[in-house]
All heavy atoms as atom14 arrays in JSON, in Angstrom:
{
  "sequence": "AIYATDLSAASEAAIQNETCLECLGRIGVDTIHL",
  "atom14_mask": [
    [1, 1, 1, 1, 1, 0, 0, 0, 0, 0, 0, 0, 0, 0],
    [1, 1, 1, 1, 1, 1, 1, 1, 0, 0, 0, 0, 0, 0],
    [1, 1, 1, 1, 1, 1, 1, 1, 1, 1, 1, 1, 0, 0],
    [1, 1, 1, 1, 1, 0, 0, 0, 0, 0, 0, 0, 0, 0],
    [1, 1, 1, 1, 1, 1, 1, 0, 0, 0, 0, 0, 0, 0],
    [1, 1, 1, 1, 1, 1, 1, 1, 0, 0, 0, 0, 0, 0],
    [1, 1, 1, 1, 1, 1, 1, 1, 0, 0, 0, 0, 0, 0],
    [1, 1, 1, 1, 1, 1, 0, 0, 0, 0, 0, 0, 0, 0],
    [1, 1, 1, 1, 1, 0, 0, 0, 0, 0, 0, 0, 0, 0],
    [1, 1, 1, 1, 1, 0, 0, 0, 0, 0, 0, 0, 0, 0],
    [1, 1, 1, 1, 1, 1, 0, 0, 0, 0, 0, 0, 0, 0],
    [1, 1, 1, 1, 1, 1, 1, 1, 1, 0, 0, 0, 0, 0],
    [1, 1, 1, 1, 1, 0, 0, 0, 0, 0, 0, 0, 0, 0],
    [1, 1, 1, 1, 1, 0, 0, 0, 0, 0, 0, 0, 0, 0],
    [1, 1, 1, 1, 1, 1, 1, 1, 0, 0, 0, 0, 0, 0],
    [1, 1, 1, 1, 1, 1, 1, 1, 1, 0, 0, 0, 0, 0],
    [1, 1, 1, 1, 1, 1, 1, 1, 0, 0, 0, 0, 0, 0],
    [1, 1, 1, 1, 1, 1, 1, 1, 1, 0, 0, 0, 0, 0],
    [1, 1, 1, 1, 1, 1, 1, 0, 0, 0, 0, 0, 0, 0],
    [1, 1, 1, 1, 1, 1, 0, 0, 0, 0, 0, 0, 0, 0],
    [1, 1, 1, 1, 1, 1, 1, 1, 0, 0, 0, 0, 0, 0],
    [1, 1, 1, 1, 1, 1, 1, 1, 1, 0, 0, 0, 0, 0],
    [1, 1, 1, 1, 1, 1, 0, 0, 0, 0, 0, 0, 0, 0],
    [1, 1, 1, 1, 1, 1, 1, 1, 0, 0, 0, 0, 0, 0],
    [1, 1, 1, 1, 0, 0, 0, 0, 0, 0, 0, 0, 0, 0],
    [1, 1, 1, 1, 1, 1, 1, 1, 1, 1, 1, 0, 0, 0],
    [1, 1, 1, 1, 1, 1, 1, 1, 0, 0, 0, 0, 0, 0],
    [1, 1, 1, 1, 0, 0, 0, 0, 0, 0, 0, 0, 0, 0],
    [1, 1, 1, 1, 1, 1, 1, 0, 0, 0, 0, 0, 0, 0],
    [1, 1, 1, 1, 1, 1, 1, 1, 0, 0, 0, 0, 0, 0],
    [1, 1, 1, 1, 1, 1, 1, 0, 0, 0, 0, 0, 0, 0],
    [1, 1, 1, 1, 1, 1, 1, 1, 0, 0, 0, 0, 0, 0],
    [1, 1, 1, 1, 1, 1, 1, 1, 1, 1, 0, 0, 0, 0],
    [1, 1, 1, 1, 1, 1, 1, 1, 0, 0, 0, 0, 0, 0]
  ],
  "atom14_positions": [
    [[143.44, 237.44, -61.17], [144.29, 238.53, -60.42], [145.71, 237.95, -60.0], [145.8, 236.86, -59.72], [143.52, 239.01, -59.16], [0.0, 0.0, 0.0], [0.0, 0.0, 0.0], [0.0, 0.0, 0.0], [0.0, 0.0, 0.0], [0.0, 0.0, 0.0], [0.0, 0.0, 0.0], [0.0, 0.0, 0.0], [0.0, 0.0, 0.0], [0.0, 0.0, 0.0]],
    [[146.59, 238.91, -60.09], [147.94, 238.66, -59.42], [147.95, 239.14, -57.99], [147.5, 240.34, -57.83], [149.06, 239.27, -60.31], [149.47, 238.46, -61.46], [150.32, 239.52, -59.34], [150.5, 239.15, -62.3], [0.0, 0.0, 0.0], [0.0, 0.0, 0.0], [0.0, 0.0, 0.0], [0.0, 0.0, 0.0], [0.0, 0.0, 0.0], [0.0, 0.0, 0.0]],
    [[148.44, 238.41, -57.07], [148.64, 238.89, -55.78], [150.11, 238.92, -55.44], [150.65, 237.83, -55.33], [147.87, 237.98, -54.7], [147.19, 238.8, -53.53], [145.91, 238.7, -53.24], [148.07, 239.68, -52.82], [145.44, 239.41, -52.21], [147.52, 240.38, -51.77], [146.16, 240.31, -51.49], [145.64, 241.05, -50.47], [0.0, 0.0, 0.0], [0.0, 0.0, 0.0]],
    [[150.75, 240.03, -55.48], [152.2, 240.11, -55.38], [152.52, 240.19, -53.86], [151.96, 241.01, -53.11], [152.74, 241.33, -56.06], [0.0, 0.0, 0.0], [0.0, 0.0, 0.0], [0.0, 0.0, 0.0], [0.0, 0.0, 0.0], [0.0, 0.0, 0.0], [0.0, 0.0, 0.0], [0.0, 0.0, 0.0], [0.0, 0.0, 0.0], [0.0, 0.0, 0.0]],
    [[153.42, 239.33, -53.45], [153.81, 239.24, -52.04], [155.31, 239.08, -51.88], [155.97, 238.5, -52.6], [153.16, 238.09, -51.34], [153.7, 237.89, -49.99], [153.36, 236.74, -52.09], [0.0, 0.0, 0.0], [0.0, 0.0, 0.0], [0.0, 0.0, 0.0], [0.0, 0.0, 0.0], [0.0, 0.0, 0.0], [0.0, 0.0, 0.0], [0.0, 0.0, 0.0]],
    [[155.88, 239.71, -50.84], [157.22, 239.58, -50.48], [157.43, 238.69, -49.27], [158.49, 238.69, -48.6], [157.91, 240.99, -50.26], [157.24, 241.75, -49.11], [156.26, 241.19, -48.51], [157.75, 242.82, -48.75], [0.0, 0.0, 0.0], [0.0, 0.0, 0.0], [0.0, 0.0, 0.0], [0.0, 0.0, 0.0], [0.0, 0.0, 0.0], [0.0, 0.0, 0.0]],
    [[156.31, 238.04, -48.92], [156.37, 237.03, -47.78], [156.44, 237.83, -46.46], [156.99, 237.24, -45.48], [157.3, 235.97, -47.84], [157.24, 235.14, -49.24], [158.32, 234.04, -49.22], [155.92, 234.6, -49.44], [0.0, 0.0, 0.0], [0.0, 0.0, 0.0], [0.0, 0.0, 0.0], [0.0, 0.0, 0.0], [0.0, 0.0, 0.0], [0.0, 0.0, 0.0]],
    [[156.19, 239.11, -46.43], [156.37, 239.9, -45.19], [155.07, 239.81, -44.27], [154.03, 239.32, -44.69], [156.63, 241.42, -45.53], [155.51, 241.89, -46.11], [0.0, 0.0, 0.0], [0.0, 0.0, 0.0], [0.0, 0.0, 0.0], [0.0, 0.0, 0.0], [0.0, 0.0, 0.0], [0.0, 0.0, 0.0], [0.0, 0.0, 0.0], [0.0, 0.0, 0.0]],
    [[155.2, 240.34, -43.13], [154.05, 240.32, -42.22], [152.96, 241.21, -42.78], [151.73, 240.82, -42.66], [154.45, 240.84, -40.89], [0.0, 0.0, 0.0], [0.0, 0.0, 0.0], [0.0, 0.0, 0.0], [0.0, 0.0, 0.0], [0.0, 0.0, 0.0], [0.0, 0.0, 0.0], [0.0, 0.0, 0.0], [0.0, 0.0, 0.0], [0.0, 0.0, 0.0]],
    [[153.28, 242.3, -43.49], [152.29, 243.19, -44.12], [151.62, 242.42, -45.18], [150.34, 242.44, -45.32], [153.01, 244.43, -44.62], [0.0, 0.0, 0.0], [0.0, 0.0, 0.0], [0.0, 0.0, 0.0], [0.0, 0.0, 0.0], [0.0, 0.0, 0.0], [0.0, 0.0, 0.0], [0.0, 0.0, 0.0], [0.0, 0.0, 0.0], [0.0, 0.0, 0.0]],
    [[152.26, 241.67, -46.1], [151.65, 240.92, -47.2], [150.75, 239.87, -46.61], [149.65, 239.72, -47.05], [152.81, 240.32, -48.05], [153.4, 241.22, -48.82], [0.0, 0.0, 0.0], [0.0, 0.0, 0.0], [0.0, 0.0, 0.0], [0.0, 0.0, 0.0], [0.0, 0.0, 0.0], [0.0, 0.0, 0.0], [0.0, 0.0, 0.0], [0.0, 0.0, 0.0]],
    [[151.17, 239.26, -45.58], [150.33, 238.16, -44.93], [149.16, 238.72, -44.33], [148.06, 238.11, -44.41], [151.17, 237.36, -43.88], [150.41, 236.27, -43.29], [151.29, 235.24, -42.66], [152.53, 235.33, -42.75], [150.7, 234.28, -42.03], [0.0, 0.0, 0.0], [0.0, 0.0, 0.0], [0.0, 0.0, 0.0], [0.0, 0.0, 0.0], [0.0, 0.0, 0.0]],
    [[149.21, 239.91, -43.77], [147.94, 240.55, -43.2], [146.84, 240.77, -44.25], [145.74, 240.48, -44.01], [148.28, 241.92, -42.62], [0.0, 0.0, 0.0], [0.0, 0.0, 0.0], [0.0, 0.0, 0.0], [0.0, 0.0, 0.0], [0.0, 0.0, 0.0], [0.0, 0.0, 0.0], [0.0, 0.0, 0.0], [0.0, 0.0, 0.0], [0.0, 0.0, 0.0]],
    [[147.31, 241.1, -45.5], [146.32, 241.41, -46.56], [145.73, 240.06, -47.02], [144.58, 239.94, -47.2], [147.06, 242.15, -47.67], [0.0, 0.0, 0.0], [0.0, 0.0, 0.0], [0.0, 0.0, 0.0], [0.0, 0.0, 0.0], [0.0, 0.0, 0.0], [0.0, 0.0, 0.0], [0.0, 0.0, 0.0], [0.0, 0.0, 0.0], [0.0, 0.0, 0.0]],
    [[146.64, 239.06, -47.26], [146.26, 237.74, -47.79], [145.38, 237.03, -46.82], [144.45, 236.37, -47.24], [147.56, 237.03, -48.24], [148.17, 237.6, -49.52], [147.14, 235.52, -48.47], [149.44, 236.98, -49.89], [0.0, 0.0, 0.0], [0.0, 0.0, 0.0], [0.0, 0.0, 0.0], [0.0, 0.0, 0.0], [0.0, 0.0, 0.0], [0.0, 0.0, 0.0]],
    [[145.65, 237.23, -45.5], [144.87, 236.39, -44.53], [143.57, 237.15, -44.15], [142.72, 236.58, -43.47], [145.76, 236.3, -43.28], [147.0, 235.49, -43.38], [146.77, 233.99, -43.18], [145.61, 233.57, -43.16], [147.82, 233.21, -42.99], [0.0, 0.0, 0.0], [0.0, 0.0, 0.0], [0.0, 0.0, 0.0], [0.0, 0.0, 0.0], [0.0, 0.0, 0.0]],
    [[143.24, 238.36, -44.7], [142.07, 239.04, -44.32], [140.9, 238.5, -45.06], [140.77, 238.7, -46.3], [142.27, 240.61, -44.58], [141.17, 241.34, -44.06], [140.06, 241.44, -44.47], [141.48, 242.2, -42.85], [0.0, 0.0, 0.0], [0.0, 0.0, 0.0], [0.0, 0.0, 0.0], [0.0, 0.0, 0.0], [0.0, 0.0, 0.0], [0.0, 0.0, 0.0]],
    [[139.99, 237.87, -44.34], [138.76, 237.23, -44.91], [137.99, 238.23, -45.71], [137.33, 237.99, -46.7], [138.0, 236.46, -43.94], [138.72, 235.28, -43.33], [137.93, 234.56, -42.35], [136.73, 234.95, -42.1], [138.4, 233.54, -41.75], [0.0, 0.0, 0.0], [0.0, 0.0, 0.0], [0.0, 0.0, 0.0], [0.0, 0.0, 0.0], [0.0, 0.0, 0.0]],
    [[137.85, 239.49, -45.1], [136.97, 240.55, -45.59], [137.44, 240.89, -47.02], [136.71, 241.14, -47.97], [136.75, 241.68, -44.74], [136.21, 241.26, -43.48], [135.71, 242.7, -45.34], [0.0, 0.0, 0.0], [0.0, 0.0, 0.0], [0.0, 0.0, 0.0], [0.0, 0.0, 0.0], [0.0, 0.0, 0.0], [0.0, 0.0, 0.0], [0.0, 0.0, 0.0]],
    [[138.82, 241.17, -47.0], [139.34, 241.59, -48.35], [139.1, 240.47, -49.42], [138.73, 240.82, -50.55], [140.92, 241.86, -48.17], [141.43, 243.31, -47.23], [0.0, 0.0, 0.0], [0.0, 0.0, 0.0], [0.0, 0.0, 0.0], [0.0, 0.0, 0.0], [0.0, 0.0, 0.0], [0.0, 0.0, 0.0], [0.0, 0.0, 0.0], [0.0, 0.0, 0.0]],
    [[139.35, 239.26, -49.06], [139.19, 238.14, -50.02], [137.72, 238.13, -50.41], [137.46, 237.79, -51.6], [139.7, 236.85, -49.41], [141.14, 236.81, -49.09], [141.46, 235.36, -48.49], [141.96, 237.0, -50.33], [0.0, 0.0, 0.0], [0.0, 0.0, 0.0], [0.0, 0.0, 0.0], [0.0, 0.0, 0.0], [0.0, 0.0, 0.0], [0.0, 0.0, 0.0]],
    [[136.87, 238.29, -49.5], [135.35, 238.22, -49.91], [135.05, 239.28, -50.92], [134.25, 239.25, -51.85], [134.48, 238.41, -48.63], [133.0, 238.3, -48.86], [132.22, 238.58, -47.59], [132.81, 238.68, -46.55], [130.97, 238.72, -47.79], [0.0, 0.0, 0.0], [0.0, 0.0, 0.0], [0.0, 0.0, 0.0], [0.0, 0.0, 0.0], [0.0, 0.0, 0.0]],
    [[135.63, 240.52, -50.65], [135.35, 241.63, -51.61], [135.91, 241.32, -53.0], [135.19, 241.61, -54.02], [136.05, 242.9, -51.15], [135.29, 243.71, -49.66], [0.0, 0.0, 0.0], [0.0, 0.0, 0.0], [0.0, 0.0, 0.0], [0.0, 0.0, 0.0], [0.0, 0.0, 0.0], [0.0, 0.0, 0.0], [0.0, 0.0, 0.0], [0.0, 0.0, 0.0]],
    [[137.02, 240.72, -53.06], [137.58, 240.24, -54.4], [136.64, 239.23, -55.08], [136.41, 239.26, -56.31], [138.95, 239.65, -54.24], [140.06, 240.64, -53.74], [141.4, 239.82, -53.49], [140.24, 241.79, -54.75], [0.0, 0.0, 0.0], [0.0, 0.0, 0.0], [0.0, 0.0, 0.0], [0.0, 0.0, 0.0], [0.0, 0.0, 0.0], [0.0, 0.0, 0.0]],
    [[136.14, 238.27, -54.32], [135.11, 237.37, -54.86], [133.95, 238.07, -55.35], [133.39, 237.71, -56.39], [0.0, 0.0, 0.0], [0.0, 0.0, 0.0], [0.0, 0.0, 0.0], [0.0, 0.0, 0.0], [0.0, 0.0, 0.0], [0.0, 0.0, 0.0], [0.0, 0.0, 0.0], [0.0, 0.0, 0.0], [0.0, 0.0, 0.0], [0.0, 0.0, 0.0]],
    [[133.42, 239.01, -54.65], [132.23, 239.78, -55.04], [132.42, 240.44, -56.39], [131.38, 240.61, -57.16], [131.79, 240.86, -54.01], [131.16, 240.24, -52.72], [130.76, 241.3, -51.89], [130.09, 240.81, -50.62], [129.67, 241.54, -49.66], [129.73, 242.9, -49.68], [129.17, 241.0, -48.51], [0.0, 0.0, 0.0], [0.0, 0.0, 0.0], [0.0, 0.0, 0.0]],
    [[133.58, 240.97, -56.66], [133.74, 241.69, -57.99], [133.98, 240.67, -59.18], [134.25, 241.11, -60.27], [134.74, 242.71, -57.94], [136.23, 242.18, -57.77], [134.37, 243.74, -56.8], [137.28, 243.18, -57.9], [0.0, 0.0, 0.0], [0.0, 0.0, 0.0], [0.0, 0.0, 0.0], [0.0, 0.0, 0.0], [0.0, 0.0, 0.0], [0.0, 0.0, 0.0]],
    [[134.06, 239.44, -58.81], [134.28, 238.43, -59.86], [135.62, 237.73, -59.97], [135.81, 236.89, -60.93], [0.0, 0.0, 0.0], [0.0, 0.0, 0.0], [0.0, 0.0, 0.0], [0.0, 0.0, 0.0], [0.0, 0.0, 0.0], [0.0, 0.0, 0.0], [0.0, 0.0, 0.0], [0.0, 0.0, 0.0], [0.0, 0.0, 0.0], [0.0, 0.0, 0.0]],
    [[136.55, 237.99, -59.04], [137.79, 237.39, -59.08], [137.68, 235.9, -58.62], [137.02, 235.64, -57.55], [138.79, 238.08, -58.13], [140.13, 237.24, -58.09], [139.1, 239.48, -58.64], [0.0, 0.0, 0.0], [0.0, 0.0, 0.0], [0.0, 0.0, 0.0], [0.0, 0.0, 0.0], [0.0, 0.0, 0.0], [0.0, 0.0, 0.0], [0.0, 0.0, 0.0]],
    [[138.07, 234.97, -59.48], [138.01, 233.58, -59.05], [139.34, 232.81, -59.22], [139.54, 231.71, -58.54], [137.02, 232.8, -59.89], [137.28, 232.99, -61.43], [138.37, 233.38, -61.83], [136.35, 232.68, -62.21], [0.0, 0.0, 0.0], [0.0, 0.0, 0.0], [0.0, 0.0, 0.0], [0.0, 0.0, 0.0], [0.0, 0.0, 0.0], [0.0, 0.0, 0.0]],
    [[140.33, 233.38, -59.77], [141.67, 232.81, -59.93], [142.69, 233.82, -59.49], [142.66, 234.97, -59.88], [141.92, 232.42, -61.35], [140.97, 231.32, -61.72], [143.36, 231.8, -61.38], [0.0, 0.0, 0.0], [0.0, 0.0, 0.0], [0.0, 0.0, 0.0], [0.0, 0.0, 0.0], [0.0, 0.0, 0.0], [0.0, 0.0, 0.0], [0.0, 0.0, 0.0]],
    [[143.6, 233.4, -58.62], [144.61, 234.29, -58.06], [146.09, 233.62, -58.34], [146.24, 232.42, -57.98], [144.49, 234.63, -56.57], [143.21, 235.4, -56.42], [145.71, 235.29, -56.02], [142.9, 235.81, -54.87], [0.0, 0.0, 0.0], [0.0, 0.0, 0.0], [0.0, 0.0, 0.0], [0.0, 0.0, 0.0], [0.0, 0.0, 0.0], [0.0, 0.0, 0.0]],
    [[146.86, 234.43, -58.95], [148.23, 234.04, -59.06], [149.1, 234.64, -57.99], [149.29, 235.84, -57.97], [148.75, 234.48, -60.54], [148.14, 233.87, -61.63], [148.67, 232.7, -62.21], [146.96, 233.99, -62.26], [147.98, 232.31, -63.22], [146.77, 233.06, -63.28], [0.0, 0.0, 0.0], [0.0, 0.0, 0.0], [0.0, 0.0, 0.0], [0.0, 0.0, 0.0]],
    [[149.71, 233.86, -57.16], [150.49, 234.33, -56.01], [151.84, 234.47, -56.61], [152.48, 233.55, -57.16], [150.54, 233.44, -54.85], [149.24, 233.41, -53.97], [149.31, 232.19, -53.07], [149.25, 234.67, -53.09], [0.0, 0.0, 0.0], [0.0, 0.0, 0.0], [0.0, 0.0, 0.0], [0.0, 0.0, 0.0], [0.0, 0.0, 0.0], [0.0, 0.0, 0.0]]
  ]
}
């Protein structure tokens, strides 16, 4: 997956959210391109 970020507070909120990341892992995402 690509995770597009502008280094803003909003982007950081999504990237730092453990539950969001866990959901991505559940569907099979194992590699992330920031």
